[in-house]
Amino acid sequence: MIRYNYSLKRHNTFGIAARARRFISLESAEEAKAIIKKENFNTDNCLVLGGGSNILFTGDYGGTIIKPFFNKITIERKSSDNVIISAEAGLEWDKLVEWTVENDLGGLENLSFIPGNVGAAPIQNIGAYGAEVSNLITRIHALSLENGENRVFHNEECMFGYRDSIFKNELKSKYLITSVEFRLKKSPVTFNLSYGKLEPGGEMTLYGIRKAVIKVRKEKLPDPAVKGNAGSFFKNPVINMHSYADLKMRYHDMPSWRTGTGHYKIPAAWLIEKAGWKGKKAGRAGVDHKHALILVNLGNAKGTEILELSNSITDSVRSKFGITLEKEVNII
């Protein structure tokens, strides 16, 4: 279905009242292929929208927005230890995780309660609590927005990195992901508890891990339905050993994780909080009072207000620590 001058407010978790010149909703991969072949999209003026949980609209969108709604889960094949499943792009991410846990398939449980849709998960290479989705993906099925032709991307072709993939770089806005395949474990007996704050207690099961993850996320992160936000606004920066040593001498309490390549990852939330931004407001935009990495819409904020706040935070952190924060949220 094609709509014009369409409101995007309920299609982005910041709740920004932007509009799209043209909005196309797709109910199947077959319909997507047919429309792409017919429309001959200008990929420079076309945006594929998932759950809208990692995007900030700074104004109306003057091009075409494509949104897939198809959401089936299919078991593709099984082995003695693993199951390959495919999930369609329009499926809510957490519904997929819930389905895997209910079917006793391990791998995605640490990624519970992350907002957004399946099609966006590999683009962002979502991760949380010691897990990254790229470690479970086997293949991605996509359609070229230029000609509607099918293409299959194997894991190694996706150039996954920290909150990064080929779909955010060389192939940005070039493909519509239609489904993603995952390799999951049958009846797993080991679980990923590398994130210290996960406390499943006596429930050492997939359900117990999922329950613990949801508990932590609900305690730490504001509900977008109550306070508009897009989760983590900035990436955790990675700095070299020289910069790390210098900062550690000045800030003994600075938390960090060694990446294994002579570099250190520093929590962006810690940097922002130390720069004095936690809980601060700037007009109708603000920094969450519980988690400094979350920028929030305090009520009818424009996207430009949130962007201006983020730029002020970036300048402040750079001035204090010599570190330039990189946005995790896509600015449109």
C-alpha atoms as a PDB file:
ATOM      1  CA  MET A   1       0.000   0.000   0.000  1.00  0.00           C
ATOM      2  CA  ILE A   2       1.275   3.464  -0.905  1.00  0.00           C
ATOM      3  CA  ARG A   3       0.441   6.513   1.235  1.00  0.00           C
ATOM      4  CA  TYR A   4       1.424  10.148   0.779  1.00  0.00           C
ATOM      5  CA  ASN A   5       2.328  12.833   3.333  1.00  0.00           C
ATOM      6  CA  TYR A   6       2.279  10.056   5.912  1.00  0.00           C
ATOM      7  CA  SER A   7       2.917  10.604   9.628  1.00  0.00           C
ATOM      8  CA  LEU A   8       5.953   8.788  11.018  1.00  0.00           C
ATOM      9  CA  LYS A   9       5.311   9.571  14.683  1.00  0.00           C
ATOM     10  CA  ARG A  10       4.260   6.032  15.590  1.00  0.00           C
ATOM     11  CA  HIS A  11       7.007   4.558  13.431  1.00  0.00           C
ATOM     12  CA  ASN A  12       9.941   5.950  15.429  1.00  0.00           C
ATOM     13  CA  THR A  13      10.574   5.337  19.116  1.00  0.00           C
ATOM     14  CA  PHE A  14      11.671   8.934  19.717  1.00  0.00           C
ATOM     15  CA  GLY A  15       8.094   9.884  18.835  1.00  0.00           C
ATOM     16  CA  ILE A  16       9.195  12.630  16.453  1.00  0.00           C
ATOM     17  CA  ALA A  17       6.292  14.116  14.499  1.00  0.00           C
ATOM     18  CA  ALA A  18       7.931  13.902  11.063  1.00  0.00           C
ATOM     19  CA  ARG A  19       6.143  12.994   7.837  1.00  0.00           C
ATOM     20  CA  ALA A  20       7.163  11.035   4.739  1.00  0.00           C
ATOM     21  CA  ARG A  21       6.376  12.281   1.251  1.00  0.00           C
ATOM     22  CA  ARG A  22       5.645   8.681   0.274  1.00  0.00           C
ATOM     23  CA  PHE A  23       5.299   5.603   2.511  1.00  0.00           C
ATOM     24  CA  ILE A  24       5.079   2.073   1.122  1.00  0.00           C
ATOM     25  CA  SER A  25       4.025  -0.801   3.376  1.00  0.00           C
ATOM     26  CA  LEU A  26       4.947  -4.292   2.197  1.00  0.00           C
ATOM     27  CA  GLU A  27       3.135  -7.468   3.247  1.00  0.00           C
ATOM     28  CA  SER A  28       5.440 -10.059   1.656  1.00  0.00           C
ATOM     29  CA  ALA A  29       8.852 -10.452   0.064  1.00  0.00           C
ATOM     30  CA  GLU A  30       7.109 -11.222  -3.224  1.00  0.00           C
ATOM     31  CA  GLU A  31       5.192  -7.943  -3.077  1.00  0.00           C
ATOM     32  CA  ALA A  32       8.426  -6.136  -2.245  1.00  0.00           C
ATOM     33  CA  LYS A  33      10.150  -7.607  -5.295  1.00  0.00           C
ATOM     34  CA  ALA A  34       7.261  -6.671  -7.581  1.00  0.00           C
ATOM     35  CA  ILE A  35       7.054  -3.072  -6.319  1.00  0.00           C
ATOM     36  CA  ILE A  36      10.806  -2.515  -6.513  1.00  0.00           C
ATOM     37  CA  LYS A  37      10.895  -3.771 -10.097  1.00  0.00           C
ATOM     38  CA  LYS A  38       7.945  -1.530 -10.981  1.00  0.00           C
ATOM     39  CA  GLU A  39       9.027   1.621  -9.152  1.00  0.00           C
ATOM     40  CA  ASN A  40      12.719   1.742 -10.108  1.00  0.00           C
ATOM     41  CA  PHE A  41      13.651   3.512  -6.865  1.00  0.00           C
ATOM     42  CA  ASN A  42      16.218   6.259  -6.585  1.00  0.00           C
ATOM     43  CA  THR A  43      18.297   4.766  -3.788  1.00  0.00           C
ATOM     44  CA  ASP A  44      19.638   8.214  -2.856  1.00  0.00           C
ATOM     45  CA  ASN A  45      16.126   9.229  -1.837  1.00  0.00           C
ATOM     46  CA  CYS A  46      14.778   6.011  -0.349  1.00  0.00           C
ATOM     47  CA  LEU A  47      14.792   4.721   3.229  1.00  0.00           C
ATOM     48  CA  VAL A  48      13.995   1.238   4.541  1.00  0.00           C
ATOM     49  CA  LEU A  49      12.376   1.576   7.957  1.00  0.00           C
ATOM     50  CA  GLY A  50      12.170  -1.207  10.522  1.00  0.00           C
ATOM     51  CA  GLY A  51      10.865  -0.645  14.027  1.00  0.00           C
ATOM     52  CA  GLY A  52      12.195   2.913  14.108  1.00  0.00           C
ATOM     53  CA  SER A  53      14.138   2.186  17.292  1.00  0.00           C
ATOM     54  CA  ASN A  54      17.520   3.394  16.067  1.00  0.00           C
ATOM     55  CA  ILE A  55      16.634   6.491  14.077  1.00  0.00           C
ATOM     56  CA  LEU A  56      16.220  10.215  14.646  1.00  0.00           C
ATOM     57  CA  PHE A  57      14.187  12.217  12.145  1.00  0.00           C
ATOM     58  CA  THR A  58      15.350  15.836  12.121  1.00  0.00           C
ATOM     59  CA  GLY A  59      12.582  16.890   9.736  1.00  0.00           C
ATOM     60  CA  ASP A  60      10.122  15.546   7.195  1.00  0.00           C
ATOM     61  CA  TYR A  61      11.465  12.918   4.803  1.00  0.00           C
ATOM     62  CA  GLY A  62      11.172  14.117   1.214  1.00  0.00           C
ATOM     63  CA  GLY A  63      11.644  10.738  -0.443  1.00  0.00           C
ATOM     64  CA  THR A  64      10.131   7.259  -0.196  1.00  0.00           C
ATOM     65  CA  ILE A  65      10.055   5.167   2.957  1.00  0.00           C
ATOM     66  CA  ILE A  66       9.681   1.405   2.569  1.00  0.00           C
ATOM     67  CA  LYS A  67       8.503  -0.610   5.566  1.00  0.00           C
ATOM     68  CA  PRO A  68       8.241  -4.416   5.531  1.00  0.00           C
ATOM     69  CA  PHE A  69       5.494  -5.965   7.659  1.00  0.00           C
ATOM     70  CA  PHE A  70       6.025  -9.653   6.724  1.00  0.00           C
ATOM     71  CA  ASN A  71       6.965 -11.601   9.837  1.00  0.00           C
ATOM     72  CA  LYS A  72       7.069 -15.395   9.481  1.00  0.00           C
ATOM     73  CA  ILE A  73       9.480 -17.739  11.267  1.00  0.00           C
ATOM     74  CA  THR A  74      10.558 -20.906   9.444  1.00  0.00           C
ATOM     75  CA  ILE A  75      12.688 -23.861  10.527  1.00  0.00           C
ATOM     76  CA  GLU A  76      15.002 -24.406   7.570  1.00  0.00           C
ATOM     77  CA  ARG A  77      17.027 -27.451   8.641  1.00  0.00           C
ATOM     78  CA  LYS A  78      18.226 -29.384  11.663  1.00  0.00           C
ATOM     79  CA  SER A  79      21.277 -31.315  12.750  1.00  0.00           C
ATOM     80  CA  SER A  80      22.010 -33.258  15.898  1.00  0.00           C
ATOM     81  CA  ASP A  81      23.127 -30.111  17.740  1.00  0.00           C
ATOM     82  CA  ASN A  82      21.809 -27.121  15.811  1.00  0.00           C
ATOM     83  CA  VAL A  83      18.731 -25.704  14.113  1.00  0.00           C
ATOM     84  CA  ILE A  84      18.803 -23.169  11.285  1.00  0.00           C
ATOM     85  CA  ILE A  85      15.793 -20.863  11.347  1.00  0.00           C
ATOM     86  CA  SER A  86      14.853 -17.923   9.171  1.00  0.00           C
ATOM     87  CA  ALA A  87      12.877 -14.914  10.347  1.00  0.00           C
ATOM     88  CA  GLU A  88      11.314 -12.345   8.056  1.00  0.00           C
ATOM     89  CA  ALA A  89      12.306  -8.698   8.233  1.00  0.00           C
ATOM     90  CA  GLY A  90       9.093  -7.249   9.639  1.00  0.00           C
ATOM     91  CA  LEU A  91       9.004  -9.471  12.714  1.00  0.00           C
ATOM     92  CA  GLU A  92       9.509  -7.686  16.029  1.00  0.00           C
ATOM     93  CA  TRP A  93      12.921  -8.678  17.326  1.00  0.00           C
ATOM     94  CA  ASP A  94      11.767  -9.619  20.813  1.00  0.00           C
ATOM     95  CA  LYS A  95       8.988 -11.817  19.433  1.00  0.00           C
ATOM     96  CA  LEU A  96      11.691 -13.799  17.639  1.00  0.00           C
ATOM     97  CA  VAL A  97      13.732 -14.150  20.835  1.00  0.00           C
ATOM     98  CA  GLU A  98      10.619 -15.193  22.747  1.00  0.00           C
ATOM     99  CA  TRP A  99       9.850 -17.838  20.093  1.00  0.00           C
ATOM    100  CA  THR A 100      13.380 -19.285  20.268  1.00  0.00           C
ATOM    101  CA  VAL A 101      13.230 -19.547  24.064  1.00  0.00           C
ATOM    102  CA  GLU A 102       9.794 -21.170  23.963  1.00  0.00           C
ATOM    103  CA  ASN A 103      11.165 -23.706  21.473  1.00  0.00           C
ATOM    104  CA  ASP A 104      14.262 -24.416  23.582  1.00  0.00           C
ATOM    105  CA  LEU A 105      16.676 -22.996  21.015  1.00  0.00           C
ATOM    106  CA  GLY A 106      19.674 -21.192  22.470  1.00  0.00           C
ATOM    107  CA  GLY A 107      21.699 -18.240  21.252  1.00  0.00           C
ATOM    108  CA  LEU A 108      19.467 -15.185  21.188  1.00  0.00           C
ATOM    109  CA  GLU A 109      18.298 -15.128  24.816  1.00  0.00           C
ATOM    110  CA  ASN A 110      20.848 -12.482  25.893  1.00  0.00           C
ATOM    111  CA  LEU A 111      19.411 -10.191  23.214  1.00  0.00           C
ATOM    112  CA  SER A 112      15.948 -10.183  24.777  1.00  0.00           C
ATOM    113  CA  PHE A 113      13.829  -7.043  24.933  1.00  0.00           C
ATOM    114  CA  ILE A 114      15.828  -5.080  22.370  1.00  0.00           C
ATOM    115  CA  PRO A 115      13.383  -2.897  20.432  1.00  0.00           C
ATOM    116  CA  GLY A 116      13.209  -2.994  16.644  1.00  0.00           C
ATOM    117  CA  ASN A 117      12.622  -5.535  13.897  1.00  0.00           C
ATOM    118  CA  VAL A 118      14.566  -8.508  12.565  1.00  0.00           C
ATOM    119  CA  GLY A 119      15.542  -6.786   9.315  1.00  0.00           C
ATOM    120  CA  ALA A 120      17.426  -4.070  11.159  1.00  0.00           C
ATOM    121  CA  ALA A 121      19.290  -6.402  13.526  1.00  0.00           C
ATOM    122  CA  PRO A 122      22.174  -7.291  11.167  1.00  0.00           C
ATOM    123  CA  ILE A 123      22.491  -3.720   9.868  1.00  0.00           C
ATOM    124  CA  GLN A 124      23.267  -2.488  13.348  1.00  0.00           C
ATOM    125  CA  ASN A 125      24.827  -5.777  14.481  1.00  0.00           C
ATOM    126  CA  ILE A 126      22.838  -5.475  17.675  1.00  0.00           C
ATOM    127  CA  GLY A 127      24.441  -6.682  20.853  1.00  0.00           C
ATOM    128  CA  ALA A 128      23.898  -6.743  24.599  1.00  0.00           C
ATOM    129  CA  TYR A 129      25.032  -8.566  27.744  1.00  0.00           C
ATOM    130  CA  GLY A 130      27.967 -10.345  26.163  1.00  0.00           C
ATOM    131  CA  ALA A 131      26.256 -11.369  22.898  1.00  0.00           C
ATOM    132  CA  GLU A 132      26.240 -10.040  19.339  1.00  0.00           C
ATOM    133  CA  VAL A 133      23.771 -11.094  16.684  1.00  0.00           C
ATOM    134  CA  SER A 134      26.525 -11.493  14.074  1.00  0.00           C
ATOM    135  CA  ASN A 135      27.733 -14.598  15.907  1.00  0.00           C
ATOM    136  CA  LEU A 136      24.402 -16.344  15.200  1.00  0.00           C
ATOM    137  CA  ILE A 137      23.683 -15.184  11.635  1.00  0.00           C
ATOM    138  CA  THR A 138      24.449 -17.601   8.812  1.00  0.00           C
ATOM    139  CA  ARG A 139      22.865 -15.865   5.812  1.00  0.00           C
ATOM    140  CA  ILE A 140      20.851 -12.772   4.941  1.00  0.00           C
ATOM    141  CA  HIS A 141      18.351 -12.649   2.087  1.00  0.00           C
ATOM    142  CA  ALA A 142      17.890  -9.257   0.454  1.00  0.00           C
ATOM    143  CA  LEU A 143      16.501  -7.453  -2.577  1.00  0.00           C
ATOM    144  CA  SER A 144      18.403  -4.840  -4.536  1.00  0.00           C
ATOM    145  CA  LEU A 145      16.512  -1.543  -4.384  1.00  0.00           C
ATOM    146  CA  GLU A 146      17.873  -0.715  -7.821  1.00  0.00           C
ATOM    147  CA  ASN A 147      16.421  -3.670  -9.737  1.00  0.00           C
ATOM    148  CA  GLY A 148      14.601  -5.985  -7.311  1.00  0.00           C
ATOM    149  CA  GLU A 149      17.057  -8.839  -7.835  1.00  0.00           C
ATOM    150  CA  ASN A 150      17.606 -11.349  -5.022  1.00  0.00           C
ATOM    151  CA  ARG A 151      20.938 -11.581  -3.280  1.00  0.00           C
ATOM    152  CA  VAL A 152      22.122 -13.836  -0.474  1.00  0.00           C
ATOM    153  CA  PHE A 153      24.825 -12.527   1.872  1.00  0.00           C
ATOM    154  CA  HIS A 154      26.830 -15.067   3.826  1.00  0.00           C
ATOM    155  CA  ASN A 155      28.044 -14.024   7.254  1.00  0.00           C
ATOM    156  CA  GLU A 156      31.588 -13.231   6.166  1.00  0.00           C
ATOM    157  CA  GLU A 157      30.318 -10.951   3.381  1.00  0.00           C
ATOM    158  CA  CYS A 158      28.486  -8.719   5.860  1.00  0.00           C
ATOM    159  CA  MET A 159      31.697  -7.236   7.317  1.00  0.00           C
ATOM    160  CA  PHE A 160      30.287  -7.198  10.820  1.00  0.00           C
ATOM    161  CA  GLY A 161      31.948  -4.991  13.411  1.00  0.00           C
ATOM    162  CA  TYR A 162      31.017  -3.307  16.646  1.00  0.00           C
ATOM    163  CA  ARG A 163      27.488  -1.978  15.924  1.00  0.00           C
ATOM    164  CA  ASP A 164      28.482  -2.024  12.285  1.00  0.00           C
ATOM    165  CA  SER A 165      28.062  -3.914   9.018  1.00  0.00           C
ATOM    166  CA  ILE A 166      28.391  -3.492   5.278  1.00  0.00           C
ATOM    167  CA  PHE A 167      24.744  -2.369   5.262  1.00  0.00           C
ATOM    168  CA  LYS A 168      25.678   0.773   7.200  1.00  0.00           C
ATOM    169  CA  ASN A 169      28.562   1.589   4.877  1.00  0.00           C
ATOM    170  CA  GLU A 170      29.162   0.509   1.266  1.00  0.00           C
ATOM    171  CA  LEU A 171      25.665  -0.918   0.848  1.00  0.00           C
ATOM    172  CA  LYS A 172      23.745   1.668   2.856  1.00  0.00           C
ATOM    173  CA  SER A 173      20.258   2.143   1.349  1.00  0.00           C
ATOM    174  CA  LYS A 174      21.111  -0.286  -1.462  1.00  0.00           C
ATOM    175  CA  TYR A 175      19.222  -3.373  -0.242  1.00  0.00           C
ATOM    176  CA  LEU A 176      15.993  -4.336   1.454  1.00  0.00           C
ATOM    177  CA  ILE A 177      16.675  -7.214   3.834  1.00  0.00           C
ATOM    178  CA  THR A 178      13.781  -9.664   3.552  1.00  0.00           C
ATOM    179  CA  SER A 179      14.850 -12.410   5.988  1.00  0.00           C
ATOM    180  CA  VAL A 180      17.703 -13.444   8.242  1.00  0.00           C
ATOM    181  CA  GLU A 181      18.900 -16.981   8.991  1.00  0.00           C
ATOM    182  CA  PHE A 182      20.259 -17.932  12.420  1.00  0.00           C
ATOM    183  CA  ARG A 183      22.092 -21.012  13.682  1.00  0.00           C
ATOM    184  CA  LEU A 184      20.781 -21.862  17.163  1.00  0.00           C
ATOM    185  CA  LYS A 185      21.626 -24.585  19.652  1.00  0.00           C
ATOM    186  CA  LYS A 186      19.245 -27.379  20.531  1.00  0.00           C
ATOM    187  CA  SER A 187      18.558 -27.725  24.270  1.00  0.00           C
ATOM    188  CA  PRO A 188      21.691 -25.805  25.322  1.00  0.00           C
ATOM    189  CA  VAL A 189      23.387 -26.725  28.579  1.00  0.00           C
ATOM    190  CA  THR A 190      25.803 -23.768  28.722  1.00  0.00           C
ATOM    191  CA  PHE A 191      24.800 -20.123  28.856  1.00  0.00           C
ATOM    192  CA  ASN A 192      26.451 -16.751  28.267  1.00  0.00           C
ATOM    193  CA  LEU A 193      26.868 -15.160  31.694  1.00  0.00           C
ATOM    194  CA  SER A 194      29.879 -13.004  30.801  1.00  0.00           C
ATOM    195  CA  TYR A 195      27.938  -9.871  31.737  1.00  0.00           C
ATOM    196  CA  GLY A 196      28.308  -9.794  35.501  1.00  0.00           C
ATOM    197  CA  LYS A 197      24.960  -8.193  36.305  1.00  0.00           C
ATOM    198  CA  LEU A 198      22.946 -11.069  34.853  1.00  0.00           C
ATOM    199  CA  GLU A 199      21.609 -13.032  37.795  1.00  0.00           C
ATOM    200  CA  PRO A 200      19.257 -15.826  36.698  1.00  0.00           C
ATOM    201  CA  GLY A 201      19.563 -17.366  40.162  1.00  0.00           C
ATOM    202  CA  GLY A 202      18.281 -20.925  40.297  1.00  0.00           C
ATOM    203  CA  GLU A 203      16.645 -20.596  36.850  1.00  0.00           C
ATOM    204  CA  MET A 204      19.664 -21.639  34.778  1.00  0.00           C
ATOM    205  CA  THR A 205      17.534 -22.070  31.690  1.00  0.00           C
ATOM    206  CA  LEU A 206      16.898 -20.094  28.518  1.00  0.00           C
ATOM    207  CA  TYR A 207      13.801 -18.690  30.155  1.00  0.00           C
ATOM    208  CA  GLY A 208      15.789 -17.775  33.271  1.00  0.00           C
ATOM    209  CA  ILE A 209      18.413 -15.903  31.214  1.00  0.00           C
ATOM    210  CA  ARG A 210      15.722 -14.097  29.231  1.00  0.00           C
ATOM    211  CA  LYS A 211      13.894 -13.147  32.414  1.00  0.00           C
ATOM    212  CA  ALA A 212      17.120 -11.781  33.948  1.00  0.00           C
ATOM    213  CA  VAL A 213      17.955  -9.751  30.825  1.00  0.00           C
ATOM    214  CA  ILE A 214      14.470  -8.231  30.685  1.00  0.00           C
ATOM    215  CA  LYS A 215      14.686  -7.343  34.382  1.00  0.00           C
ATOM    216  CA  VAL A 216      18.002  -5.510  33.897  1.00  0.00           C
ATOM    217  CA  ARG A 217      16.788  -3.682  30.789  1.00  0.00           C
ATOM    218  CA  LYS A 218      13.562  -2.557  32.440  1.00  0.00           C
ATOM    219  CA  GLU A 219      15.475  -1.265  35.457  1.00  0.00           C
ATOM    220  CA  LYS A 220      18.066   0.609  33.387  1.00  0.00           C
ATOM    221  CA  LEU A 221      16.243   1.851  30.313  1.00  0.00           C
ATOM    222  CA  PRO A 222      13.198   4.112  29.965  1.00  0.00           C
ATOM    223  CA  ASP A 223      10.156   2.750  28.137  1.00  0.00           C
ATOM    224  CA  PRO A 224       9.895   4.496  24.713  1.00  0.00           C
ATOM    225  CA  ALA A 225       6.094   4.386  25.026  1.00  0.00           C
ATOM    226  CA  VAL A 226       6.387   6.614  28.097  1.00  0.00           C
ATOM    227  CA  LYS A 227       9.483   8.656  27.298  1.00  0.00           C
ATOM    228  CA  GLY A 228      10.562   8.702  23.658  1.00  0.00           C
ATOM    229  CA  ASN A 229      14.099   7.412  23.102  1.00  0.00           C
ATOM    230  CA  ALA A 230      16.185   5.233  20.792  1.00  0.00           C
ATOM    231  CA  GLY A 231      18.188   3.349  23.382  1.00  0.00           C
ATOM    232  CA  SER A 232      21.930   3.956  23.394  1.00  0.00           C
ATOM    233  CA  PHE A 233      22.537   7.163  21.441  1.00  0.00           C
ATOM    234  CA  PHE A 234      26.329   6.806  21.252  1.00  0.00           C
ATOM    235  CA  LYS A 235      28.727   3.928  20.725  1.00  0.00           C
ATOM    236  CA  ASN A 236      31.211   3.018  23.430  1.00  0.00           C
ATOM    237  CA  PRO A 237      34.464   4.525  22.123  1.00  0.00           C
ATOM    238  CA  VAL A 238      37.591   2.444  21.609  1.00  0.00           C
ATOM    239  CA  ILE A 239      40.919   4.163  22.351  1.00  0.00           C
ATOM    240  CA  ASN A 240      44.542   3.160  21.953  1.00  0.00           C
ATOM    241  CA  MET A 241      46.818   2.107  24.782  1.00  0.00           C
ATOM    242  CA  HIS A 242      48.598   5.485  24.988  1.00  0.00           C
ATOM    243  CA  SER A 243      45.339   7.411  25.360  1.00  0.00           C
ATOM    244  CA  TYR A 244      44.064   4.842  27.840  1.00  0.00           C
ATOM    245  CA  ALA A 245      47.169   5.112  30.039  1.00  0.00           C
ATOM    246  CA  ASP A 246      46.931   8.897  30.055  1.00  0.00           C
ATOM    247  CA  LEU A 247      43.252   8.919  31.022  1.00  0.00           C
ATOM    248  CA  LYS A 248      43.687   6.192  33.638  1.00  0.00           C
ATOM    249  CA  MET A 249      46.290   8.313  35.404  1.00  0.00           C
ATOM    250  CA  ARG A 250      43.818  11.191  35.568  1.00  0.00           C
ATOM    251  CA  TYR A 251      40.690   9.152  36.284  1.00  0.00           C
ATOM    252  CA  HIS A 252      41.496   6.116  38.417  1.00  0.00           C
ATOM    253  CA  ASP A 253      37.840   5.053  38.550  1.00  0.00           C
ATOM    254  CA  MET A 254      37.445   4.948  34.757  1.00  0.00           C
ATOM    255  CA  PRO A 255      35.946   1.571  33.763  1.00  0.00           C
ATOM    256  CA  SER A 256      37.247  -0.126  30.631  1.00  0.00           C
ATOM    257  CA  TRP A 257      37.457  -3.380  28.705  1.00  0.00           C
ATOM    258  CA  ARG A 258      40.516  -4.494  26.777  1.00  0.00           C
ATOM    259  CA  THR A 259      39.522  -5.402  23.226  1.00  0.00           C
ATOM    260  CA  GLY A 260      42.402  -7.797  22.649  1.00  0.00           C
ATOM    261  CA  THR A 261      44.017  -5.623  19.986  1.00  0.00           C
ATOM    262  CA  GLY A 262      45.961  -3.237  22.221  1.00  0.00           C
ATOM    263  CA  HIS A 263      42.919  -0.996  22.519  1.00  0.00           C
ATOM    264  CA  TYR A 264      40.421  -0.309  25.274  1.00  0.00           C
ATOM    265  CA  LYS A 265      36.673   0.237  25.165  1.00  0.00           C
ATOM    266  CA  ILE A 266      35.394   2.967  27.484  1.00  0.00           C
ATOM    267  CA  PRO A 267      31.705   3.197  28.494  1.00  0.00           C
ATOM    268  CA  ALA A 268      30.219   6.248  26.786  1.00  0.00           C
ATOM    269  CA  ALA A 269      27.713   6.515  29.645  1.00  0.00           C
ATOM    270  CA  TRP A 270      30.566   7.005  32.127  1.00  0.00           C
ATOM    271  CA  LEU A 271      32.142   9.727  29.982  1.00  0.00           C
ATOM    272  CA  ILE A 272      28.824  11.542  29.587  1.00  0.00           C
ATOM    273  CA  GLU A 273      28.027  11.328  33.277  1.00  0.00           C
ATOM    274  CA  LYS A 274      31.505  12.564  34.266  1.00  0.00           C
ATOM    275  CA  ALA A 275      31.035  15.476  31.868  1.00  0.00           C
ATOM    276  CA  GLY A 276      27.980  16.450  33.901  1.00  0.00           C
ATOM    277  CA  TRP A 277      25.169  15.570  31.509  1.00  0.00           C
ATOM    278  CA  LYS A 278      23.263  12.836  33.326  1.00  0.00           C
ATOM    279  CA  GLY A 279      19.703  14.011  34.023  1.00  0.00           C
ATOM    280  CA  LYS A 280      20.246  17.370  32.296  1.00  0.00           C
ATOM    281  CA  LYS A 281      17.530  18.993  30.152  1.00  0.00           C
ATOM    282  CA  ALA A 282      17.819  21.193  27.094  1.00  0.00           C
ATOM    283  CA  GLY A 283      14.368  22.493  26.267  1.00  0.00           C
ATOM    284  CA  ARG A 284      12.185  19.527  25.313  1.00  0.00           C
ATOM    285  CA  ALA A 285      15.148  17.151  25.021  1.00  0.00           C
ATOM    286  CA  GLY A 286      17.129  15.626  27.848  1.00  0.00           C
ATOM    287  CA  VAL A 287      19.528  12.984  29.140  1.00  0.00           C
ATOM    288  CA  ASP A 288      17.869  10.219  31.108  1.00  0.00           C
ATOM    289  CA  HIS A 289      18.340  10.465  34.865  1.00  0.00           C
ATOM    290  CA  LYS A 290      19.088   6.735  35.202  1.00  0.00           C
ATOM    291  CA  HIS A 291      21.290   6.084  32.176  1.00  0.00           C
ATOM    292  CA  ALA A 292      23.447   8.830  30.669  1.00  0.00           C
ATOM    293  CA  LEU A 293      23.674   7.054  27.313  1.00  0.00           C
ATOM    294  CA  ILE A 294      19.950   7.560  26.684  1.00  0.00           C
ATOM    295  CA  LEU A 295      18.707  10.823  25.187  1.00  0.00           C
ATOM    296  CA  VAL A 296      14.974  11.349  25.654  1.00  0.00           C
ATOM    297  CA  ASN A 297      12.087  13.269  24.176  1.00  0.00           C
ATOM    298  CA  LEU A 298      10.569  15.088  27.154  1.00  0.00           C
ATOM    299  CA  GLY A 299       7.443  15.990  25.187  1.00  0.00           C
ATOM    300  CA  ASN A 300       6.906  17.055  21.581  1.00  0.00           C
ATOM    301  CA  ALA A 301      10.598  17.676  20.959  1.00  0.00           C
ATOM    302  CA  LYS A 302      11.787  18.211  17.430  1.00  0.00           C
ATOM    303  CA  GLY A 303      14.490  15.952  16.122  1.00  0.00           C
ATOM    304  CA  THR A 304      16.750  18.975  15.742  1.00  0.00           C
ATOM    305  CA  GLU A 305      16.502  19.645  19.502  1.00  0.00           C
ATOM    306  CA  ILE A 306      17.710  16.132  20.303  1.00  0.00           C
ATOM    307  CA  LEU A 307      20.460  16.405  17.690  1.00  0.00           C
ATOM    308  CA  GLU A 308      21.635  19.732  19.123  1.00  0.00           C
ATOM    309  CA  LEU A 309      21.754  18.190  22.602  1.00  0.00           C
ATOM    310  CA  SER A 310      23.796  15.257  21.294  1.00  0.00           C
ATOM    311  CA  ASN A 311      26.251  17.641  19.614  1.00  0.00           C
ATOM    312  CA  SER A 312      26.661  19.596  22.853  1.00  0.00           C
ATOM    313  CA  ILE A 313      27.410  16.355  24.699  1.00  0.00           C
ATOM    314  CA  THR A 314      29.942  15.337  22.039  1.00  0.00           C
ATOM    315  CA  ASP A 315      31.715  18.703  22.309  1.00  0.00           C
ATOM    316  CA  SER A 316      31.770  18.488  26.097  1.00  0.00           C
ATOM    317  CA  VAL A 317      33.190  14.954  26.213  1.00  0.00           C
ATOM    318  CA  ARG A 318      35.807  15.803  23.579  1.00  0.00           C
ATOM    319  CA  SER A 319      36.883  18.873  25.550  1.00  0.00           C
ATOM    320  CA  LYS A 320      37.154  16.988  28.846  1.00  0.00           C
ATOM    321  CA  PHE A 321      38.567  13.624  27.725  1.00  0.00           C
ATOM    322  CA  GLY A 322      39.900  14.125  24.190  1.00  0.00           C
ATOM    323  CA  ILE A 323      37.497  11.428  22.969  1.00  0.00           C
ATOM    324  CA  THR A 324      35.040  11.999  20.132  1.00  0.00           C
ATOM    325  CA  LEU A 325      31.820  10.069  20.639  1.00  0.00           C
ATOM    326  CA  GLU A 326      30.298   8.386  17.590  1.00  0.00           C
ATOM    327  CA  LYS A 327      26.531   8.307  17.240  1.00  0.00           C
ATOM    328  CA  GLU A 328      24.907   4.877  17.234  1.00  0.00           C
ATOM    329  CA  VAL A 329      21.550   6.311  16.169  1.00  0.00           C
ATOM    330  CA  ASN A 330      20.991   7.040  12.476  1.00  0.00           C
ATOM    331  CA  ILE A 331      20.328  10.738  11.844  1.00  0.00           C
ATOM    332  CA  ILE A 332      17.875  11.397   8.992  1.00  0.00           C
END
